[in-house]
């Protein structure tokens, strides 16, 4: 792709680093920004910079937040004894959109994937185990995507907490094998939560 401007080329190259954005899409977006009033682009730039500088991760569940403890963890009406384990913040959003789950979340920040160089120590697993050890948790719901990496991560965590006084369950397989949680429709996702099964049963079904 030939550019008549080095500034344009640099902007397109940076934009194309975003997931799912190729060079042609990046060019279209950059040209769109060029057509907008300068103030509009400045608002976008300011919002992105403020996000990078000020955004936090909840000290309890690792969800993205504006404060140290996110609104979900700080909500006294939520069931503090039930924790739903998810891969990332997009899954929290997907589950919250169902309006069904009233417990808390624990965001791992990924899945165990040796081929990608991701091991248990790189995920937020230790803090989850510590919560279970504290005795305040009565149920842990595994809500990772039904992929090999998701199942591996579920099983690893299960082994870490199975000897404590806690119930472990997994969302029902209304979610197709191999599907990512964030792409499931709200009805299917909600039913999967309601119809969750003991985690040991999910092992036997494989």
Protein backbone atom coordinates (compact mmCIF):
# COMPACT_ATOMS: atom_id res chain seq x y z
CA UNK A 1 0.00 0.00 0.00
CA UNK A 2 1.51 3.30 -1.13
CA UNK A 3 1.05 6.43 0.99
CA UNK A 4 1.41 10.04 -0.09
CA UNK A 5 2.12 11.06 3.51
CA UNK A 6 4.46 9.55 6.08
CA UNK A 7 2.19 10.89 8.83
CA UNK A 8 -0.78 9.08 7.30
CA UNK A 9 1.25 5.89 6.90
CA UNK A 10 2.34 5.97 10.55
CA UNK A 11 -1.25 6.52 11.75
CA UNK A 12 -2.49 3.62 9.59
CA UNK A 13 0.29 1.34 10.81
CA UNK A 14 -0.57 2.09 14.44
CA UNK A 15 -4.31 1.65 13.88
CA UNK A 16 -3.75 -1.69 12.15
CA UNK A 17 -2.19 -3.07 15.34
CA UNK A 18 -5.68 -3.30 16.83
CA UNK A 19 -7.30 -6.79 16.82
CA UNK A 20 -9.27 -7.49 13.66
CA UNK A 21 -8.12 -4.29 11.95
CA UNK A 22 -6.27 -4.78 8.68
CA UNK A 23 -4.44 -2.09 6.73
CA UNK A 24 -7.43 -1.24 4.52
CA UNK A 25 -9.80 -0.90 7.48
CA UNK A 26 -7.17 1.11 9.34
CA UNK A 27 -6.85 3.47 6.37
CA UNK A 28 -10.63 3.93 6.23
CA UNK A 29 -10.75 4.75 9.96
CA UNK A 30 -7.84 7.17 9.80
CA UNK A 31 -9.32 8.98 6.78
CA UNK A 32 -12.63 9.19 8.65
CA UNK A 33 -10.87 10.83 11.60
CA UNK A 34 -9.22 13.30 9.25
CA UNK A 35 -12.65 14.41 8.01
CA UNK A 36 -13.94 15.02 11.54
CA UNK A 37 -13.56 18.34 13.37
CA UNK A 38 -10.25 18.46 15.20
CA UNK A 39 -12.10 18.71 18.52
CA UNK A 40 -13.74 15.33 17.92
CA UNK A 41 -10.40 13.61 17.38
CA UNK A 42 -9.00 15.35 20.45
CA UNK A 43 -11.89 14.00 22.55
CA UNK A 44 -11.11 10.47 21.34
CA UNK A 45 -7.39 10.91 22.04
CA UNK A 46 -8.10 12.34 25.49
CA UNK A 47 -10.45 9.47 26.37
CA UNK A 48 -7.86 6.87 25.35
CA UNK A 49 -5.06 8.60 27.27
CA UNK A 50 -7.22 8.99 30.39
CA UNK A 51 -8.15 5.32 30.19
CA UNK A 52 -4.51 4.22 29.98
CA UNK A 53 -3.43 6.56 32.77
CA UNK A 54 -6.29 6.12 35.23
CA UNK A 55 -8.00 2.75 34.75
CA UNK A 56 -7.59 0.25 37.58
CA UNK A 57 -8.11 -3.45 38.15
CA UNK A 58 -10.31 -4.40 41.08
CA UNK A 59 -8.13 -5.59 43.96
CA UNK A 60 -10.67 -8.29 44.77
CA UNK A 61 -11.86 -9.75 41.45
CA UNK A 62 -9.43 -8.20 38.89
CA UNK A 63 -12.27 -6.72 36.85
CA UNK A 64 -11.61 -3.38 35.13
CA UNK A 65 -12.70 -0.52 37.36
CA UNK A 66 -12.36 3.21 37.99
CA UNK A 67 -11.72 2.57 41.69
CA UNK A 68 -9.78 0.04 43.77
CA UNK A 69 -12.84 -2.15 44.43
CA UNK A 70 -15.25 -2.45 41.51
CA UNK A 71 -18.95 -1.66 41.81
CA UNK A 72 -19.91 -5.35 41.64
CA UNK A 73 -17.67 -6.39 44.54
CA UNK A 74 -18.73 -3.33 46.55
CA UNK A 75 -22.44 -4.04 46.06
CA UNK A 76 -23.74 -5.40 49.38
CA UNK A 77 -26.80 -6.90 47.66
CA UNK A 78 -24.63 -9.36 45.70
CA UNK A 79 -24.11 -12.86 47.09
CA UNK A 80 -20.52 -12.66 48.36
CA UNK A 81 -20.33 -16.44 48.84
CA UNK A 82 -20.73 -17.37 45.15
CA UNK A 83 -17.89 -16.67 42.72
CA UNK A 84 -18.12 -17.08 38.95
CA UNK A 85 -14.70 -17.65 37.38
CA UNK A 86 -14.25 -16.09 33.94
CA UNK A 87 -11.41 -15.52 31.51
CA UNK A 88 -11.60 -11.76 31.02
CA UNK A 89 -13.70 -8.63 31.50
CA UNK A 90 -15.70 -9.24 28.31
CA UNK A 91 -17.14 -12.34 29.94
CA UNK A 92 -18.17 -10.34 33.02
CA UNK A 93 -20.04 -7.96 30.72
CA UNK A 94 -21.71 -10.84 28.86
CA UNK A 95 -22.87 -12.51 32.08
CA UNK A 96 -24.04 -9.22 33.61
CA UNK A 97 -26.14 -8.56 30.52
CA UNK A 98 -28.19 -11.69 31.32
CA UNK A 99 -29.37 -10.05 34.56
CA UNK A 100 -29.41 -13.49 36.19
CA UNK A 101 -26.18 -13.89 38.14
CA UNK A 102 -26.17 -12.11 41.51
CA UNK A 103 -22.87 -13.34 42.93
CA UNK A 104 -19.34 -12.06 42.42
CA UNK A 105 -16.78 -12.68 39.68
CA UNK A 106 -13.13 -13.60 39.52
CA UNK A 107 -11.31 -12.59 36.33
CA UNK A 108 -8.36 -14.86 35.55
CA UNK A 109 -6.90 -12.68 32.82
CA UNK A 110 -6.58 -15.56 30.35
CA UNK A 111 -6.45 -19.35 30.12
CA UNK A 112 -3.67 -21.86 30.62
CA UNK A 113 -2.13 -22.40 27.19
CA UNK A 114 1.39 -23.89 27.11
CA UNK A 115 1.58 -23.44 23.34
CA UNK A 116 1.15 -19.70 23.87
CA UNK A 117 3.50 -19.65 26.84
CA UNK A 118 0.72 -19.00 29.37
CA UNK A 119 1.05 -20.94 32.61
CA UNK A 120 -0.91 -20.88 35.89
CA UNK A 121 1.50 -18.39 37.47
CA UNK A 122 0.59 -15.81 34.82
CA UNK A 123 -3.10 -15.91 35.71
CA UNK A 124 -5.03 -14.63 38.74
CA UNK A 125 -5.38 -18.09 40.26
CA UNK A 126 -3.57 -17.63 43.58
CA UNK A 127 -5.98 -14.91 44.73
CA UNK A 128 -8.94 -17.15 43.88
CA UNK A 129 -7.52 -20.02 45.92
CA UNK A 130 -6.92 -17.61 48.82
CA UNK A 131 -10.59 -16.57 48.72
CA UNK A 132 -11.66 -20.20 48.93
CA UNK A 133 -9.21 -20.88 51.77
CA UNK A 134 -10.70 -17.99 53.75
CA UNK A 135 -13.91 -20.00 54.16
CA UNK A 136 -16.23 -17.23 52.93
CA UNK A 137 -16.94 -18.91 49.57
CA UNK A 138 -19.54 -21.67 49.35
CA UNK A 139 -19.63 -22.13 45.55
CA UNK A 140 -17.23 -21.59 42.66
CA UNK A 141 -18.79 -21.59 39.21
CA UNK A 142 -16.48 -22.32 36.28
CA UNK A 143 -17.59 -20.20 33.32
CA UNK A 144 -14.62 -20.41 30.98
CA UNK A 145 -15.09 -21.04 27.28
CA UNK A 146 -15.58 -24.70 26.39
CA UNK A 147 -12.24 -25.09 24.66
CA UNK A 148 -9.29 -27.35 25.48
CA UNK A 149 -7.53 -24.41 27.16
CA UNK A 150 -10.66 -23.50 29.10
CA UNK A 151 -11.18 -27.06 30.31
CA UNK A 152 -7.50 -27.36 31.26
CA UNK A 153 -7.74 -24.18 33.31
CA UNK A 154 -10.96 -25.31 34.99
CA UNK A 155 -9.39 -28.62 35.99
CA UNK A 156 -6.21 -27.00 37.30
CA UNK A 157 -8.21 -24.68 39.56
CA UNK A 158 -10.49 -27.53 40.62
CA UNK A 159 -7.48 -29.50 41.84
CA UNK A 160 -6.32 -26.49 43.87
CA UNK A 161 -9.62 -26.05 45.73
CA UNK A 162 -11.34 -29.45 45.76
CA UNK A 163 -10.18 -30.31 49.30
CA UNK A 164 -11.78 -27.21 50.80
CA UNK A 165 -15.39 -26.87 51.91
CA UNK A 166 -16.67 -25.43 48.65
CA UNK A 167 -19.08 -26.56 45.96
CA UNK A 168 -17.73 -26.47 42.41
CA UNK A 169 -20.02 -26.23 39.39
CA UNK A 170 -19.74 -25.50 35.68
CA UNK A 171 -22.12 -23.69 33.38
CA UNK A 172 -24.29 -26.09 31.39
CA UNK A 173 -23.11 -26.89 27.88
CA UNK A 174 -25.76 -24.80 26.19
CA UNK A 175 -22.59 -23.11 25.04
CA UNK A 176 -21.31 -25.05 22.03
CA UNK A 177 -17.98 -26.83 22.40
CA UNK A 178 -15.22 -24.50 21.24
CA UNK A 179 -17.34 -21.35 21.49
CA UNK A 180 -16.12 -18.24 23.27
CA UNK A 181 -18.39 -17.10 26.10
CA UNK A 182 -18.60 -13.48 24.97
CA UNK A 183 -20.29 -14.46 21.68
CA UNK A 184 -23.12 -16.47 23.25
CA UNK A 185 -26.57 -14.90 23.19
CA UNK A 186 -27.96 -13.71 26.52
CA UNK A 187 -30.76 -16.30 26.72
CA UNK A 188 -28.40 -19.24 26.15
CA UNK A 189 -25.85 -17.78 28.56
CA UNK A 190 -28.50 -17.19 31.22
CA UNK A 191 -29.83 -20.74 30.93
CA UNK A 192 -26.30 -22.12 31.15
CA UNK A 193 -25.88 -20.34 34.48
CA UNK A 194 -29.22 -21.48 35.88
CA UNK A 195 -28.70 -25.09 34.74
CA UNK A 196 -25.09 -25.31 35.93
CA UNK A 197 -23.94 -28.77 36.96
CA UNK A 198 -21.46 -30.11 39.55
CA UNK A 199 -17.98 -29.72 38.10
CA UNK A 200 -17.20 -33.42 38.64
CA UNK A 201 -20.10 -34.27 36.30
CA UNK A 202 -18.62 -32.09 33.57
CA UNK A 203 -15.42 -34.14 33.82
CA UNK A 204 -17.32 -37.38 33.38
CA UNK A 205 -19.06 -36.11 30.24
CA UNK A 206 -15.78 -35.71 28.32
